[in-house]
Amino acid sequence: MIEIKDLHKKFGDKKVLQGINLEIEKGETTVIIGRSGCGKSVLIKHIVGLLIPDSGYVKVEGLIVKKLNEKELFHLRKKFGVLFQGSALFDSMTVEENISLPLTESKNHLTKTEIDRIVAEKLELVELPGVQELMPAELSGGMKKRVALARALVTNPEYILYDEPTTGLDPIMSDSIDYLIKDLSTKLKVTSVVVTHDMYSVKNIADKVSMIHEGVIYFTGSLNDLINSSDDVIVNFLNRA
């Protein structure tokens, strides 16, 4: 379980998070929506300790993230996989090298044969087998997302954070990524947190929806409750999404 309590963060004079309160239950897919610049990506960076809050805290499985030392934080991060907005693949590395990087960096003494097997398994899981030797420049946008997702899965995480997973993709490929997110959540029993502005994706994958507005969680509930809301802020957001 992830608990976010009264989280505040500003950059210079700009207040981004102004008291975020949110609970993310194990095994569910929580989608975080809100206008561009509202702090969605800033929020998920706090979950894995990439940013330190000005006040408030994030607690993961009972541990307050900002209080962890370097070793404890490293151990916690092994529970997470992250799919970055731009995929964040290394151009100079093959697909296999990109996916295996978390394994080699963690120094877990796996053999090359074991790493090759794990990489192949994760590529099968994201329905992209046999591309280990390709370079990122040889991949389409959708393929890059799948490779990045395979990398996020390579350590068998308990939590997966998705930052705008369908940005820049055509509708067909967006549907495919949505299907993968939902399918992996069911197959692997992982807890998923998805940041997106794509309401079509929200409808495809969300167990719960949380909306950030003016630095706080303005709404949390089911997709039906969101869509049927008569609140002016929510209605205006949905009409522009």
Protein backbone atom coordinates (compact mmCIF):
# COMPACT_ATOMS: atom_id res chain seq x y z
CA MET A 1 0.00 0.00 0.00
CA ILE A 2 1.09 3.56 -0.77
CA GLU A 3 -0.05 6.36 1.51
CA ILE A 4 0.50 10.01 0.57
CA LYS A 5 -0.16 12.46 3.37
CA ASP A 6 -0.35 16.28 3.16
CA LEU A 7 2.38 16.39 0.50
CA HIS A 8 3.73 19.85 -0.40
CA LYS A 9 6.31 20.74 -3.05
CA LYS A 10 7.28 24.00 -4.69
CA PHE A 11 9.98 24.98 -7.16
CA GLY A 12 11.14 28.52 -6.53
CA ASP A 13 7.98 30.55 -6.04
CA LYS A 14 5.78 28.07 -7.91
CA LYS A 15 3.68 25.91 -5.61
CA VAL A 16 2.99 22.60 -7.36
CA LEU A 17 1.72 20.22 -4.68
CA GLN A 18 -0.24 21.94 -1.94
CA GLY A 19 -1.40 19.17 0.35
CA ILE A 20 -1.85 15.93 -1.60
CA ASN A 21 -3.64 13.16 0.29
CA LEU A 22 -4.07 9.80 -1.43
CA GLU A 23 -4.11 6.08 -0.65
CA ILE A 24 -3.23 3.51 -3.31
CA GLU A 25 -4.37 0.02 -2.43
CA LYS A 26 -2.37 -3.08 -3.30
CA GLY A 27 -3.32 -4.75 -6.56
CA GLU A 28 -5.39 -1.92 -8.00
CA THR A 29 -4.77 0.39 -10.95
CA THR A 30 -5.02 4.01 -9.87
CA VAL A 31 -5.07 6.60 -12.64
CA ILE A 32 -4.05 10.17 -11.79
CA ILE A 33 -5.44 12.86 -14.08
CA GLY A 34 -5.25 16.63 -14.21
CA ARG A 35 -4.29 19.49 -16.48
CA SER A 36 -0.78 19.81 -17.88
CA GLY A 37 1.58 21.18 -15.23
CA CYS A 38 -0.68 20.29 -12.31
CA GLY A 39 1.97 18.10 -10.66
CA LYS A 40 1.09 14.56 -11.78
CA SER A 41 4.65 13.60 -12.70
CA VAL A 42 6.03 15.47 -9.69
CA LEU A 43 3.80 13.33 -7.48
CA ILE A 44 5.03 9.97 -8.80
CA LYS A 45 8.65 11.11 -8.51
CA HIS A 46 8.02 11.55 -4.78
CA ILE A 47 6.75 7.96 -4.52
CA VAL A 48 10.18 6.54 -5.44
CA GLY A 49 12.19 9.24 -3.67
CA LEU A 50 13.42 11.06 -6.77
CA LEU A 51 12.07 14.23 -5.17
CA ILE A 52 11.93 15.12 -1.48
CA PRO A 53 8.79 16.91 -0.27
CA ASP A 54 8.91 20.30 1.43
CA SER A 55 6.46 18.86 3.95
CA GLY A 56 4.22 15.84 4.31
CA TYR A 57 5.32 12.34 3.35
CA VAL A 58 4.93 9.30 1.14
CA LYS A 59 4.72 5.98 2.95
CA VAL A 60 5.24 2.69 1.07
CA GLU A 61 4.43 -0.51 2.96
CA GLY A 62 4.78 1.36 6.23
CA LEU A 63 8.10 3.03 5.37
CA ILE A 64 8.31 6.82 5.08
CA VAL A 65 10.31 7.35 1.90
CA LYS A 66 12.02 10.62 2.84
CA LYS A 67 13.42 9.06 6.04
CA LEU A 68 15.17 6.16 4.29
CA ASN A 69 18.94 6.11 3.99
CA GLU A 70 20.60 5.38 0.64
CA LYS A 71 20.72 1.61 1.16
CA GLU A 72 17.10 1.44 2.33
CA LEU A 73 15.95 3.60 -0.57
CA PHE A 74 17.79 1.38 -3.05
CA HIS A 75 16.06 -1.68 -1.56
CA LEU A 76 12.65 0.03 -1.77
CA ARG A 77 13.17 1.09 -5.38
CA LYS A 78 13.73 -2.55 -6.34
CA LYS A 79 10.02 -3.03 -5.65
CA PHE A 80 9.18 -0.49 -8.38
CA GLY A 81 9.23 -0.47 -12.15
CA VAL A 82 8.86 2.85 -13.95
CA LEU A 83 7.76 3.53 -17.51
CA PHE A 84 8.99 7.03 -18.30
CA GLN A 85 7.08 9.41 -20.55
CA GLY A 86 9.64 9.42 -23.36
CA SER A 87 10.55 5.73 -22.85
CA ALA A 88 14.10 6.86 -21.82
CA LEU A 89 15.93 4.17 -23.75
CA PHE A 90 19.69 4.56 -24.18
CA ASP A 91 20.37 5.13 -27.89
CA SER A 92 23.81 3.53 -27.76
CA MET A 93 22.52 0.26 -26.27
CA THR A 94 20.67 -2.62 -27.90
CA VAL A 95 17.20 -3.58 -26.76
CA GLU A 96 18.68 -6.39 -24.69
CA GLU A 97 21.21 -4.09 -23.03
CA ASN A 98 18.51 -1.54 -22.22
CA ILE A 99 16.21 -4.12 -20.66
CA SER A 100 18.95 -5.92 -18.71
CA LEU A 101 20.43 -2.71 -17.28
CA PRO A 102 18.49 -2.86 -13.96
CA LEU A 103 19.75 -6.44 -13.48
CA THR A 104 23.39 -5.67 -14.21
CA GLU A 105 23.34 -2.47 -12.13
CA SER A 106 21.90 -4.28 -9.11
CA LYS A 107 24.93 -6.63 -9.06
CA ASN A 108 22.82 -9.69 -8.28
CA HIS A 109 25.38 -12.10 -9.79
CA LEU A 110 23.11 -13.49 -12.49
CA THR A 111 24.89 -15.27 -15.32
CA LYS A 112 24.67 -14.02 -18.89
CA THR A 113 22.49 -17.02 -19.74
CA GLU A 114 20.08 -16.20 -16.90
CA ILE A 115 19.89 -12.52 -17.93
CA ASP A 116 19.24 -13.50 -21.57
CA ARG A 117 16.41 -15.77 -20.44
CA ILE A 118 14.81 -13.07 -18.29
CA VAL A 119 15.03 -10.48 -21.07
CA ALA A 120 13.42 -12.90 -23.53
CA GLU A 121 10.62 -13.63 -21.03
CA LYS A 122 9.85 -9.94 -20.52
CA LEU A 123 9.82 -9.27 -24.27
CA GLU A 124 7.35 -12.14 -24.66
CA LEU A 125 5.26 -10.60 -21.90
CA VAL A 126 4.97 -7.29 -23.77
CA GLU A 127 4.34 -9.15 -27.04
CA LEU A 128 7.60 -8.10 -28.68
CA PRO A 129 9.72 -11.25 -29.00
CA GLY A 130 12.97 -11.54 -30.89
CA VAL A 131 14.08 -7.88 -30.99
CA GLN A 132 16.98 -8.15 -28.54
CA GLU A 133 19.66 -7.07 -31.02
CA LEU A 134 17.82 -4.05 -32.45
CA MET A 135 18.84 -0.50 -31.57
CA PRO A 136 16.28 2.06 -30.32
CA ALA A 137 16.58 4.00 -33.59
CA GLU A 138 15.20 0.92 -35.38
CA LEU A 139 12.03 0.84 -33.26
CA SER A 140 8.70 2.55 -33.78
CA GLY A 141 7.22 4.68 -31.01
CA GLY A 142 4.99 1.86 -29.86
CA MET A 143 7.85 -0.62 -29.87
CA LYS A 144 9.95 1.74 -27.76
CA LYS A 145 7.14 1.90 -25.20
CA ARG A 146 6.99 -1.89 -25.07
CA VAL A 147 10.74 -2.21 -24.65
CA ALA A 148 10.66 0.39 -21.88
CA LEU A 149 7.83 -1.55 -20.25
CA ALA A 150 9.85 -4.78 -20.49
CA ARG A 151 12.69 -2.97 -18.71
CA ALA A 152 10.26 -1.79 -16.01
CA LEU A 153 9.20 -5.41 -15.50
CA VAL A 154 12.64 -7.02 -15.55
CA THR A 155 13.09 -7.00 -11.76
CA ASN A 156 9.59 -8.43 -11.13
CA PRO A 157 8.35 -5.30 -9.34
CA GLU A 158 5.38 -5.14 -6.99
CA TYR A 159 4.52 -1.64 -8.20
CA ILE A 160 4.63 -0.10 -11.67
CA LEU A 161 4.51 3.65 -12.25
CA TYR A 162 3.45 4.81 -15.72
CA ASP A 163 4.14 8.42 -16.71
CA GLU A 164 1.93 9.33 -19.70
CA PRO A 165 2.28 5.87 -21.29
CA THR A 166 0.31 6.67 -24.48
CA THR A 167 1.75 10.12 -25.24
CA GLY A 168 2.80 10.44 -28.89
CA LEU A 169 1.15 7.19 -29.98
CA ASP A 170 -1.59 6.75 -32.56
CA PRO A 171 -5.00 5.49 -31.34
CA ILE A 172 -4.36 1.87 -32.34
CA MET A 173 -1.01 1.72 -30.55
CA SER A 174 -2.49 3.57 -27.54
CA ASP A 175 -5.16 0.88 -27.30
CA SER A 176 -2.44 -1.76 -27.42
CA ILE A 177 -0.49 -0.16 -24.56
CA ASP A 178 -3.71 0.20 -22.54
CA TYR A 179 -4.40 -3.49 -23.06
CA LEU A 180 -0.90 -4.37 -21.87
CA ILE A 181 -1.25 -2.26 -18.72
CA LYS A 182 -4.55 -3.91 -17.84
CA ASP A 183 -3.36 -7.40 -18.79
CA LEU A 184 -0.12 -7.12 -16.80
CA SER A 185 -2.01 -5.84 -13.78
CA THR A 186 -4.20 -8.95 -13.89
CA LYS A 187 -1.47 -11.47 -14.74
CA LEU A 188 1.23 -10.22 -12.41
CA LYS A 189 -1.00 -8.91 -9.57
CA VAL A 190 1.00 -5.68 -9.50
CA THR A 191 -0.12 -2.32 -8.14
CA SER A 192 -0.21 0.21 -10.98
CA VAL A 193 -0.15 4.01 -10.81
CA VAL A 194 -0.81 5.66 -14.17
CA VAL A 195 -0.37 9.37 -14.84
CA THR A 196 -2.22 10.46 -17.97
CA HIS A 197 -4.27 13.19 -19.61
CA ASP A 198 -5.80 10.68 -22.05
CA MET A 199 -9.37 10.07 -20.92
CA TYR A 200 -9.79 7.25 -23.43
CA SER A 201 -6.98 5.40 -21.63
CA VAL A 202 -8.56 6.17 -18.27
CA LYS A 203 -11.73 4.44 -19.42
CA ASN A 204 -9.73 1.41 -20.56
CA ILE A 205 -7.61 0.77 -17.48
CA ALA A 206 -8.75 2.52 -14.30
CA ASP A 207 -9.93 0.78 -11.15
CA LYS A 208 -9.84 4.14 -9.38
CA VAL A 209 -9.38 7.70 -10.64
CA SER A 210 -7.82 10.60 -8.74
CA MET A 211 -7.82 14.14 -10.11
CA ILE A 212 -5.31 16.82 -9.13
CA HIS A 213 -6.58 20.39 -9.22
CA GLU A 214 -4.81 23.43 -7.77
CA GLY A 215 -2.26 21.26 -6.00
CA VAL A 216 -4.63 18.93 -4.14
CA ILE A 217 -6.56 15.74 -4.85
CA TYR A 218 -9.85 17.26 -5.93
CA PHE A 219 -11.59 13.97 -6.69
CA THR A 220 -11.05 10.29 -5.96
CA GLY A 221 -13.51 7.62 -6.93
CA SER A 222 -14.71 5.28 -9.64
CA LEU A 223 -14.70 6.12 -13.32
CA ASN A 224 -18.51 6.19 -13.32
CA ASP A 225 -18.57 8.68 -10.46
CA LEU A 226 -16.11 10.89 -12.36
CA ILE A 227 -18.02 10.77 -15.65
CA ASN A 228 -21.39 11.36 -13.98
CA SER A 229 -20.18 14.20 -11.76
CA SER A 230 -21.94 17.56 -12.04
CA ASP A 231 -19.06 19.42 -10.39
CA ASP A 232 -18.07 22.37 -12.61
CA VAL A 233 -14.31 21.78 -12.27
CA ILE A 234 -14.63 18.13 -13.25
CA VAL A 235 -17.08 18.82 -16.08
CA ASN A 236 -14.81 21.52 -17.52
CA PHE A 237 -11.80 19.17 -17.35
CA LEU A 238 -13.65 16.33 -19.05
CA ASN A 239 -14.94 18.63 -21.80
CA ARG A 240 -11.39 19.73 -22.61
CA ALA A 241 -9.67 16.35 -22.19
